[in-house]
Amino acid sequence: DYCDVDPMFGTLADFDAMLTTAHEL
């Protein structure tokens, strides 16, 4: 599934949070 996060790595919300933090840095 190209449009979702594998449960091993978390969720789409986890990705969004990571992306936000990266951009803040």
mmCIF file of all heavy atoms, coordinates in Angstrom:
data_MODEL
# 
_entry.id   MODEL 
# 
loop_
_atom_site.group_PDB 
_atom_site.id 
_atom_site.type_symbol 
_atom_site.label_atom_id 
_atom_site.label_alt_id 
_atom_site.label_comp_id 
_atom_site.label_asym_id 
_atom_site.label_entity_id 
_atom_site.label_seq_id 
_atom_site.pdbx_PDB_ins_code 
_atom_site.Cartn_x 
_atom_site.Cartn_y 
_atom_site.Cartn_z 
_atom_site.occupancy 
_atom_site.B_iso_or_equiv 
_atom_site.pdbx_formal_charge 
_atom_site.auth_seq_id 
_atom_site.auth_comp_id 
_atom_site.auth_asym_id 
_atom_site.auth_atom_id 
_atom_site.pdbx_PDB_model_num 
ATOM 1   N N   . ASP A 1 1  ? 0.868  -1.187 0.000  1.00 0.00 ? 1  ASP A N   1 
ATOM 2   C CA  . ASP A 1 1  ? 0.000  0.000  0.000  1.00 0.00 ? 1  ASP A CA  1 
ATOM 3   C C   . ASP A 1 1  ? 0.896  1.225  0.000  1.00 0.00 ? 1  ASP A C   1 
ATOM 4   O O   . ASP A 1 1  ? 1.585  1.504  0.987  1.00 0.00 ? 1  ASP A O   1 
ATOM 5   C CB  . ASP A 1 1  ? -0.921 0.012  1.222  1.00 0.00 ? 1  ASP A CB  1 
ATOM 6   C CG  . ASP A 1 1  ? -1.947 1.144  1.175  1.00 0.00 ? 1  ASP A CG  1 
ATOM 7   O OD1 . ASP A 1 1  ? -1.770 2.098  0.385  1.00 0.00 ? 1  ASP A OD1 1 
ATOM 8   O OD2 . ASP A 1 1  ? -2.928 1.084  1.944  1.00 0.00 ? 1  ASP A OD2 1 
ATOM 9   N N   . TYR A 1 2  ? 0.895  1.966  -1.113 1.00 0.00 ? 2  TYR A N   1 
ATOM 10  C CA  . TYR A 1 2  ? 1.768  3.129  -1.247 1.00 0.00 ? 2  TYR A CA  1 
ATOM 11  C C   . TYR A 1 2  ? 1.307  4.335  -0.429 1.00 0.00 ? 2  TYR A C   1 
ATOM 12  O O   . TYR A 1 2  ? 2.068  5.292  -0.276 1.00 0.00 ? 2  TYR A O   1 
ATOM 13  C CB  . TYR A 1 2  ? 1.848  3.555  -2.724 1.00 0.00 ? 2  TYR A CB  1 
ATOM 14  C CG  . TYR A 1 2  ? 2.679  2.652  -3.588 1.00 0.00 ? 2  TYR A CG  1 
ATOM 15  C CD1 . TYR A 1 2  ? 2.075  1.814  -4.531 1.00 0.00 ? 2  TYR A CD1 1 
ATOM 16  C CD2 . TYR A 1 2  ? 4.067  2.634  -3.491 1.00 0.00 ? 2  TYR A CD2 1 
ATOM 17  C CE1 . TYR A 1 2  ? 2.839  0.992  -5.348 1.00 0.00 ? 2  TYR A CE1 1 
ATOM 18  C CE2 . TYR A 1 2  ? 4.838  1.801  -4.301 1.00 0.00 ? 2  TYR A CE2 1 
ATOM 19  C CZ  . TYR A 1 2  ? 4.219  0.981  -5.233 1.00 0.00 ? 2  TYR A CZ  1 
ATOM 20  O OH  . TYR A 1 2  ? 4.978  0.165  -6.031 1.00 0.00 ? 2  TYR A OH  1 
ATOM 21  N N   . CYS A 1 3  ? 0.089  4.297  0.074  1.00 0.00 ? 3  CYS A N   1 
ATOM 22  C CA  . CYS A 1 3  ? -0.475 5.484  0.715  1.00 0.00 ? 3  CYS A CA  1 
ATOM 23  C C   . CYS A 1 3  ? -0.788 5.273  2.192  1.00 0.00 ? 3  CYS A C   1 
ATOM 24  O O   . CYS A 1 3  ? -1.688 5.910  2.754  1.00 0.00 ? 3  CYS A O   1 
ATOM 25  C CB  . CYS A 1 3  ? -1.734 5.935  -0.032 1.00 0.00 ? 3  CYS A CB  1 
ATOM 26  S SG  . CYS A 1 3  ? -1.417 6.428  -1.739 1.00 0.00 ? 3  CYS A SG  1 
ATOM 27  N N   . ASP A 1 4  ? -0.053 4.364  2.822  1.00 0.00 ? 4  ASP A N   1 
ATOM 28  C CA  . ASP A 1 4  ? -0.243 4.172  4.261  1.00 0.00 ? 4  ASP A CA  1 
ATOM 29  C C   . ASP A 1 4  ? 1.072  3.731  4.884  1.00 0.00 ? 4  ASP A C   1 
ATOM 30  O O   . ASP A 1 4  ? 1.999  3.306  4.189  1.00 0.00 ? 4  ASP A O   1 
ATOM 31  C CB  . ASP A 1 4  ? -1.332 3.133  4.531  1.00 0.00 ? 4  ASP A CB  1 
ATOM 32  C CG  . ASP A 1 4  ? -1.971 3.301  5.907  1.00 0.00 ? 4  ASP A CG  1 
ATOM 33  O OD1 . ASP A 1 4  ? -1.519 4.184  6.685  1.00 0.00 ? 4  ASP A OD1 1 
ATOM 34  O OD2 . ASP A 1 4  ? -2.919 2.565  6.210  1.00 0.00 ? 4  ASP A OD2 1 
ATOM 35  N N   . VAL A 1 5  ? 1.133  3.857  6.201  1.00 0.00 ? 5  VAL A N   1 
ATOM 36  C CA  . VAL A 1 5  ? 2.319  3.482  6.979  1.00 0.00 ? 5  VAL A CA  1 
ATOM 37  C C   . VAL A 1 5  ? 2.126  2.074  7.517  1.00 0.00 ? 5  VAL A C   1 
ATOM 38  O O   . VAL A 1 5  ? 1.049  1.737  8.031  1.00 0.00 ? 5  VAL A O   1 
ATOM 39  C CB  . VAL A 1 5  ? 2.526  4.471  8.137  1.00 0.00 ? 5  VAL A CB  1 
ATOM 40  C CG1 . VAL A 1 5  ? 3.652  4.019  9.060  1.00 0.00 ? 5  VAL A CG1 1 
ATOM 41  C CG2 . VAL A 1 5  ? 2.794  5.867  7.609  1.00 0.00 ? 5  VAL A CG2 1 
ATOM 42  N N   . ASP A 1 6  ? 3.144  1.241  7.416  1.00 0.00 ? 6  ASP A N   1 
ATOM 43  C CA  . ASP A 1 6  ? 3.052  -0.091 8.001  1.00 0.00 ? 6  ASP A CA  1 
ATOM 44  C C   . ASP A 1 6  ? 2.952  0.022  9.522  1.00 0.00 ? 6  ASP A C   1 
ATOM 45  O O   . ASP A 1 6  ? 3.665  0.840  10.131 1.00 0.00 ? 6  ASP A O   1 
ATOM 46  C CB  . ASP A 1 6  ? 4.283  -0.913 7.631  1.00 0.00 ? 6  ASP A CB  1 
ATOM 47  C CG  . ASP A 1 6  ? 4.088  -2.388 7.951  1.00 0.00 ? 6  ASP A CG  1 
ATOM 48  O OD1 . ASP A 1 6  ? 4.361  -2.790 9.116  1.00 0.00 ? 6  ASP A OD1 1 
ATOM 49  O OD2 . ASP A 1 6  ? 3.656  -3.121 7.057  1.00 0.00 ? 6  ASP A OD2 1 
ATOM 50  N N   . PRO A 1 7  ? 2.093  -0.769 10.142 1.00 0.00 ? 7  PRO A N   1 
ATOM 51  C CA  . PRO A 1 7  ? 1.962  -0.703 11.611 1.00 0.00 ? 7  PRO A CA  1 
ATOM 52  C C   . PRO A 1 7  ? 3.280  -0.867 12.348 1.00 0.00 ? 7  PRO A C   1 
ATOM 53  O O   . PRO A 1 7  ? 3.438  -0.361 13.472 1.00 0.00 ? 7  PRO A O   1 
ATOM 54  C CB  . PRO A 1 7  ? 0.992  -1.846 11.918 1.00 0.00 ? 7  PRO A CB  1 
ATOM 55  C CG  . PRO A 1 7  ? 0.173  -1.999 10.666 1.00 0.00 ? 7  PRO A CG  1 
ATOM 56  C CD  . PRO A 1 7  ? 1.134  -1.697 9.540  1.00 0.00 ? 7  PRO A CD  1 
ATOM 57  N N   . MET A 1 8  ? 4.238  -1.571 11.744 1.00 0.00 ? 8  MET A N   1 
ATOM 58  C CA  . MET A 1 8  ? 5.557  -1.693 12.371 1.00 0.00 ? 8  MET A CA  1 
ATOM 59  C C   . MET A 1 8  ? 6.157  -0.322 12.651 1.00 0.00 ? 8  MET A C   1 
ATOM 60  O O   . MET A 1 8  ? 6.846  -0.122 13.658 1.00 0.00 ? 8  MET A O   1 
ATOM 61  C CB  . MET A 1 8  ? 6.497  -2.488 11.454 1.00 0.00 ? 8  MET A CB  1 
ATOM 62  C CG  . MET A 1 8  ? 7.959  -2.420 11.865 1.00 0.00 ? 8  MET A CG  1 
ATOM 63  S SD  . MET A 1 8  ? 9.069  -3.173 10.654 1.00 0.00 ? 8  MET A SD  1 
ATOM 64  C CE  . MET A 1 8  ? 8.659  -4.892 10.863 1.00 0.00 ? 8  MET A CE  1 
ATOM 65  N N   . PHE A 1 9  ? 5.899  0.632  11.747 1.00 0.00 ? 9  PHE A N   1 
ATOM 66  C CA  . PHE A 1 9  ? 6.506  1.958  11.857 1.00 0.00 ? 9  PHE A CA  1 
ATOM 67  C C   . PHE A 1 9  ? 5.581  2.994  12.486 1.00 0.00 ? 9  PHE A C   1 
ATOM 68  O O   . PHE A 1 9  ? 6.032  4.091  12.801 1.00 0.00 ? 9  PHE A O   1 
ATOM 69  C CB  . PHE A 1 9  ? 6.950  2.440  10.474 1.00 0.00 ? 9  PHE A CB  1 
ATOM 70  C CG  . PHE A 1 9  ? 7.995  1.563  9.841  1.00 0.00 ? 9  PHE A CG  1 
ATOM 71  C CD1 . PHE A 1 9  ? 7.721  0.869  8.673  1.00 0.00 ? 9  PHE A CD1 1 
ATOM 72  C CD2 . PHE A 1 9  ? 9.250  1.416  10.414 1.00 0.00 ? 9  PHE A CD2 1 
ATOM 73  C CE1 . PHE A 1 9  ? 8.688  0.055  8.086  1.00 0.00 ? 9  PHE A CE1 1 
ATOM 74  C CE2 . PHE A 1 9  ? 10.209 0.598  9.834  1.00 0.00 ? 9  PHE A CE2 1 
ATOM 75  C CZ  . PHE A 1 9  ? 9.924  -0.084 8.663  1.00 0.00 ? 9  PHE A CZ  1 
ATOM 76  N N   . GLY A 1 10 ? 4.298  2.673  12.631 1.00 0.00 ? 10 GLY A N   1 
ATOM 77  C CA  . GLY A 1 10 ? 3.376  3.618  13.245 1.00 0.00 ? 10 GLY A CA  1 
ATOM 78  C C   . GLY A 1 10 ? 2.178  3.902  12.371 1.00 0.00 ? 10 GLY A C   1 
ATOM 79  O O   . GLY A 1 10 ? 1.616  2.999  11.737 1.00 0.00 ? 10 GLY A O   1 
ATOM 80  N N   . THR A 1 11 ? 1.805  5.164  12.298 1.00 0.00 ? 11 THR A N   1 
ATOM 81  C CA  . THR A 1 11 ? 0.603  5.580  11.593 1.00 0.00 ? 11 THR A CA  1 
ATOM 82  C C   . THR A 1 11 ? 0.891  6.794  10.718 1.00 0.00 ? 11 THR A C   1 
ATOM 83  O O   . THR A 1 11 ? 1.951  7.408  10.819 1.00 0.00 ? 11 THR A O   1 
ATOM 84  C CB  . THR A 1 11 ? -0.504 5.962  12.602 1.00 0.00 ? 11 THR A CB  1 
ATOM 85  O OG1 . THR A 1 11 ? -0.051 7.117  13.333 1.00 0.00 ? 11 THR A OG1 1 
ATOM 86  C CG2 . THR A 1 11 ? -0.795 4.818  13.575 1.00 0.00 ? 11 THR A CG2 1 
ATOM 87  N N   . LEU A 1 12 ? -0.087 7.154  9.891  1.00 0.00 ? 12 LEU A N   1 
ATOM 88  C CA  . LEU A 1 12 ? 0.040  8.387  9.098  1.00 0.00 ? 12 LEU A CA  1 
ATOM 89  C C   . LEU A 1 12 ? 0.174  9.602  10.012 1.00 0.00 ? 12 LEU A C   1 
ATOM 90  O O   . LEU A 1 12 ? 0.885  10.553 9.696  1.00 0.00 ? 12 LEU A O   1 
ATOM 91  C CB  . LEU A 1 12 ? -1.165 8.547  8.172  1.00 0.00 ? 12 LEU A CB  1 
ATOM 92  C CG  . LEU A 1 12 ? -1.114 7.766  6.856  1.00 0.00 ? 12 LEU A CG  1 
ATOM 93  C CD1 . LEU A 1 12 ? -2.456 7.850  6.149  1.00 0.00 ? 12 LEU A CD1 1 
ATOM 94  C CD2 . LEU A 1 12 ? -0.009 8.300  5.941  1.00 0.00 ? 12 LEU A CD2 1 
ATOM 95  N N   . ALA A 1 13 ? -0.503 9.568  11.146 1.00 0.00 ? 13 ALA A N   1 
ATOM 96  C CA  . ALA A 1 13 ? -0.382 10.679 12.101 1.00 0.00 ? 13 ALA A CA  1 
ATOM 97  C C   . ALA A 1 13 ? 1.047  10.784 12.620 1.00 0.00 ? 13 ALA A C   1 
ATOM 98  O O   . ALA A 1 13 ? 1.571  11.892 12.821 1.00 0.00 ? 13 ALA A O   1 
ATOM 99  C CB  . ALA A 1 13 ? -1.362 10.490 13.263 1.00 0.00 ? 13 ALA A CB  1 
ATOM 100 N N   . ASP A 1 14 ? 1.695  9.639  12.834 1.00 0.00 ? 14 ASP A N   1 
ATOM 101 C CA  . ASP A 1 14 ? 3.098  9.653  13.258 1.00 0.00 ? 14 ASP A CA  1 
ATOM 102 C C   . ASP A 1 14 ? 3.982  10.261 12.178 1.00 0.00 ? 14 ASP A C   1 
ATOM 103 O O   . ASP A 1 14 ? 4.929  11.003 12.474 1.00 0.00 ? 14 ASP A O   1 
ATOM 104 C CB  . ASP A 1 14 ? 3.583  8.233  13.574 1.00 0.00 ? 14 ASP A CB  1 
ATOM 105 C CG  . ASP A 1 14 ? 2.888  7.625  14.780 1.00 0.00 ? 14 ASP A CG  1 
ATOM 106 O OD1 . ASP A 1 14 ? 2.410  8.395  15.634 1.00 0.00 ? 14 ASP A OD1 1 
ATOM 107 O OD2 . ASP A 1 14 ? 2.825  6.385  14.852 1.00 0.00 ? 14 ASP A OD2 1 
ATOM 108 N N   . PHE A 1 15 ? 3.678  9.922  10.925 1.00 0.00 ? 15 PHE A N   1 
ATOM 109 C CA  . PHE A 1 15 ? 4.456  10.501 9.827  1.00 0.00 ? 15 PHE A CA  1 
ATOM 110 C C   . PHE A 1 15 ? 4.267  12.015 9.785  1.00 0.00 ? 15 PHE A C   1 
ATOM 111 O O   . PHE A 1 15 ? 5.239  12.766 9.646  1.00 0.00 ? 15 PHE A O   1 
ATOM 112 C CB  . PHE A 1 15 ? 4.050  9.892  8.480  1.00 0.00 ? 15 PHE A CB  1 
ATOM 113 C CG  . PHE A 1 15 ? 4.761  10.528 7.316  1.00 0.00 ? 15 PHE A CG  1 
ATOM 114 C CD1 . PHE A 1 15 ? 6.019  10.104 6.948  1.00 0.00 ? 15 PHE A CD1 1 
ATOM 115 C CD2 . PHE A 1 15 ? 4.190  11.592 6.626  1.00 0.00 ? 15 PHE A CD2 1 
ATOM 116 C CE1 . PHE A 1 15 ? 6.697  10.707 5.895  1.00 0.00 ? 15 PHE A CE1 1 
ATOM 117 C CE2 . PHE A 1 15 ? 4.854  12.205 5.577  1.00 0.00 ? 15 PHE A CE2 1 
ATOM 118 C CZ  . PHE A 1 15 ? 6.109  11.761 5.204  1.00 0.00 ? 15 PHE A CZ  1 
ATOM 119 N N   . ASP A 1 16 ? 3.024  12.463 9.896  1.00 0.00 ? 16 ASP A N   1 
ATOM 120 C CA  . ASP A 1 16 ? 2.748  13.899 9.852  1.00 0.00 ? 16 ASP A CA  1 
ATOM 121 C C   . ASP A 1 16 ? 3.475  14.632 10.976 1.00 0.00 ? 16 ASP A C   1 
ATOM 122 O O   . ASP A 1 16 ? 4.015  15.726 10.779 1.00 0.00 ? 16 ASP A O   1 
ATOM 123 C CB  . ASP A 1 16 ? 1.249  14.156 9.946  1.00 0.00 ? 16 ASP A CB  1 
ATOM 124 C CG  . ASP A 1 16 ? 0.490  13.676 8.711  1.00 0.00 ? 16 ASP A CG  1 
ATOM 125 O OD1 . ASP A 1 16 ? 1.123  13.506 7.658  1.00 0.00 ? 16 ASP A OD1 1 
ATOM 126 O OD2 . ASP A 1 16 ? -0.739 13.459 8.819  1.00 0.00 ? 16 ASP A OD2 1 
ATOM 127 N N   . ALA A 1 17 ? 3.495  14.029 12.166 1.00 0.00 ? 17 ALA A N   1 
ATOM 128 C CA  . ALA A 1 17 ? 4.177  14.650 13.304 1.00 0.00 ? 17 ALA A CA  1 
ATOM 129 C C   . ALA A 1 17 ? 5.681  14.727 13.055 1.00 0.00 ? 17 ALA A C   1 
ATOM 130 O O   . ALA A 1 17 ? 6.330  15.728 13.377 1.00 0.00 ? 17 ALA A O   1 
ATOM 131 C CB  . ALA A 1 17 ? 3.881  13.861 14.577 1.00 0.00 ? 17 ALA A CB  1 
ATOM 132 N N   . MET A 1 18 ? 6.235  13.660 12.481 1.00 0.00 ? 18 MET A N   1 
ATOM 133 C CA  . MET A 1 18 ? 7.661  13.654 12.151 1.00 0.00 ? 18 MET A CA  1 
ATOM 134 C C   . MET A 1 18 ? 7.980  14.739 11.133 1.00 0.00 ? 18 MET A C   1 
ATOM 135 O O   . MET A 1 18 ? 8.962  15.479 11.271 1.00 0.00 ? 18 MET A O   1 
ATOM 136 C CB  . MET A 1 18 ? 8.055  12.265 11.617 1.00 0.00 ? 18 MET A CB  1 
ATOM 137 C CG  . MET A 1 18 ? 9.517  12.081 11.283 1.00 0.00 ? 18 MET A CG  1 
ATOM 138 S SD  . MET A 1 18 ? 9.961  12.668 9.636  1.00 0.00 ? 18 MET A SD  1 
ATOM 139 C CE  . MET A 1 18 ? 8.854  11.685 8.623  1.00 0.00 ? 18 MET A CE  1 
ATOM 140 N N   . LEU A 1 19 ? 7.134  14.854 10.101 1.00 0.00 ? 19 LEU A N   1 
ATOM 141 C CA  . LEU A 1 19 ? 7.341  15.840 9.053  1.00 0.00 ? 19 LEU A CA  1 
ATOM 142 C C   . LEU A 1 19 ? 7.291  17.256 9.623  1.00 0.00 ? 19 LEU A C   1 
ATOM 143 O O   . LEU A 1 19 ? 8.133  18.109 9.301  1.00 0.00 ? 19 LEU A O   1 
ATOM 144 C CB  . LEU A 1 19 ? 6.275  15.667 7.967  1.00 0.00 ? 19 LEU A CB  1 
ATOM 145 C CG  . LEU A 1 19 ? 6.395  16.529 6.716  1.00 0.00 ? 19 LEU A CG  1 
ATOM 146 C CD1 . LEU A 1 19 ? 7.616  16.136 5.901  1.00 0.00 ? 19 LEU A CD1 1 
ATOM 147 C CD2 . LEU A 1 19 ? 5.131  16.396 5.863  1.00 0.00 ? 19 LEU A CD2 1 
ATOM 148 N N   . THR A 1 20 ? 6.333  17.510 10.497 1.00 0.00 ? 20 THR A N   1 
ATOM 149 C CA  . THR A 1 20 ? 6.207  18.830 11.122 1.00 0.00 ? 20 THR A CA  1 
ATOM 150 C C   . THR A 1 20 ? 7.451  19.172 11.940 1.00 0.00 ? 20 THR A C   1 
ATOM 151 O O   . THR A 1 20 ? 7.996  20.281 11.844 1.00 0.00 ? 20 THR A O   1 
ATOM 152 C CB  . THR A 1 20 ? 4.960  18.874 12.013 1.00 0.00 ? 20 THR A CB  1 
ATOM 153 O OG1 . THR A 1 20 ? 3.798  18.674 11.200 1.00 0.00 ? 20 THR A OG1 1 
ATOM 154 C CG2 . THR A 1 20 ? 4.841  20.209 12.729 1.00 0.00 ? 20 THR A CG2 1 
ATOM 155 N N   . THR A 1 21 ? 7.907  18.219 12.750 1.00 0.00 ? 21 THR A N   1 
ATOM 156 C CA  . THR A 1 21 ? 9.092  18.460 13.577 1.00 0.00 ? 21 THR A CA  1 
ATOM 157 C C   . THR A 1 21 ? 10.325 18.701 12.712 1.00 0.00 ? 21 THR A C   1 
ATOM 158 O O   . THR A 1 21 ? 11.135 19.595 12.994 1.00 0.00 ? 21 THR A O   1 
ATOM 159 C CB  . THR A 1 21 ? 9.333  17.275 14.523 1.00 0.00 ? 21 THR A CB  1 
ATOM 160 O OG1 . THR A 1 21 ? 8.177  17.076 15.338 1.00 0.00 ? 21 THR A OG1 1 
ATOM 161 C CG2 . THR A 1 21 ? 10.532 17.527 15.415 1.00 0.00 ? 21 THR A CG2 1 
ATOM 162 N N   . ALA A 1 22 ? 10.473 17.920 11.658 1.00 0.00 ? 22 ALA A N   1 
ATOM 163 C CA  . ALA A 1 22 ? 11.623 18.100 10.769 1.00 0.00 ? 22 ALA A CA  1 
ATOM 164 C C   . ALA A 1 22 ? 11.616 19.502 10.167 1.00 0.00 ? 22 ALA A C   1 
ATOM 165 O O   . ALA A 1 22 ? 12.649 20.190 10.149 1.00 0.00 ? 22 ALA A O   1 
ATOM 166 C CB  . ALA A 1 22 ? 11.598 17.048 9.658  1.00 0.00 ? 22 ALA A CB  1 
ATOM 167 N N   . HIS A 1 23 ? 10.464 19.934 9.699  1.00 0.00 ? 23 HIS A N   1 
ATOM 168 C CA  . HIS A 1 23 ? 10.377 21.265 9.097  1.00 0.00 ? 23 HIS A CA  1 
ATOM 169 C C   . HIS A 1 23 ? 10.652 22.369 10.115 1.00 0.00 ? 23 HIS A C   1 
ATOM 170 O O   . HIS A 1 23 ? 11.273 23.388 9.791  1.00 0.00 ? 23 HIS A O   1 
ATOM 171 C CB  . HIS A 1 23 ? 9.007  21.446 8.448  1.00 0.00 ? 23 HIS A CB  1 
ATOM 172 C CG  . HIS A 1 23 ? 8.851  20.677 7.168  1.00 0.00 ? 23 HIS A CG  1 
ATOM 173 N ND1 . HIS A 1 23 ? 7.634  20.488 6.555  1.00 0.00 ? 23 HIS A ND1 1 
ATOM 174 C CD2 . HIS A 1 23 ? 9.767  20.041 6.388  1.00 0.00 ? 23 HIS A CD2 1 
ATOM 175 C CE1 . HIS A 1 23 ? 7.807  19.790 5.443  1.00 0.00 ? 23 HIS A CE1 1 
ATOM 176 N NE2 . HIS A 1 23 ? 9.087  19.498 5.328  1.00 0.00 ? 23 HIS A NE2 1 
ATOM 177 N N   . GLU A 1 24 ? 10.210 22.169 11.342 1.00 0.00 ? 24 GLU A N   1 
ATOM 178 C CA  . GLU A 1 24 ? 10.501 23.154 12.397 1.00 0.00 ? 24 GLU A CA  1 
ATOM 179 C C   . GLU A 1 24 ? 11.998 23.260 12.648 1.00 0.00 ? 24 GLU A C   1 
ATOM 180 O O   . GLU A 1 24 ? 12.500 24.333 13.028 1.00 0.00 ? 24 GLU A O   1 
ATOM 181 C CB  . GLU A 1 24 ? 9.775  22.751 13.688 1.00 0.00 ? 24 GLU A CB  1 
ATOM 182 C CG  . GLU A 1 24 ? 8.265  22.943 13.615 1.00 0.00 ? 24 GLU A CG  1 
ATOM 183 C CD  . GLU A 1 24 ? 7.550  22.363 14.827 1.00 0.00 ? 24 GLU A CD  1 
ATOM 184 O OE1 . GLU A 1 24 ? 8.209  21.643 15.627 1.00 0.00 ? 24 GLU A OE1 1 
ATOM 185 O OE2 . GLU A 1 24 ? 6.334  22.606 14.976 1.00 0.00 ? 24 GLU A OE2 1 
ATOM 186 N N   . LEU A 1 25 ? 12.718 22.169 12.423 1.00 0.00 ? 25 LEU A N   1 
ATOM 187 C CA  . LEU A 1 25 ? 14.174 22.149 12.623 1.00 0.00 ? 25 LEU A CA  1 
ATOM 188 C C   . LEU A 1 25 ? 14.931 22.544 11.362 1.00 0.00 ? 25 LEU A C   1 
ATOM 189 O O   . LEU A 1 25 ? 16.166 22.512 11.342 1.00 0.00 ? 25 LEU A O   1 
ATOM 190 C CB  . LEU A 1 25 ? 14.618 20.755 13.081 1.00 0.00 ? 25 LEU A CB  1 
ATOM 191 C CG  . LEU A 1 25 ? 14.178 20.343 14.489 1.00 0.00 ? 25 LEU A CG  1 
ATOM 192 C CD1 . LEU A 1 25 ? 14.413 18.858 14.714 1.00 0.00 ? 25 LEU A CD1 1 
ATOM 193 C CD2 . LEU A 1 25 ? 14.926 21.158 15.537 1.00 0.00 ? 25 LEU A CD2 1 
# 
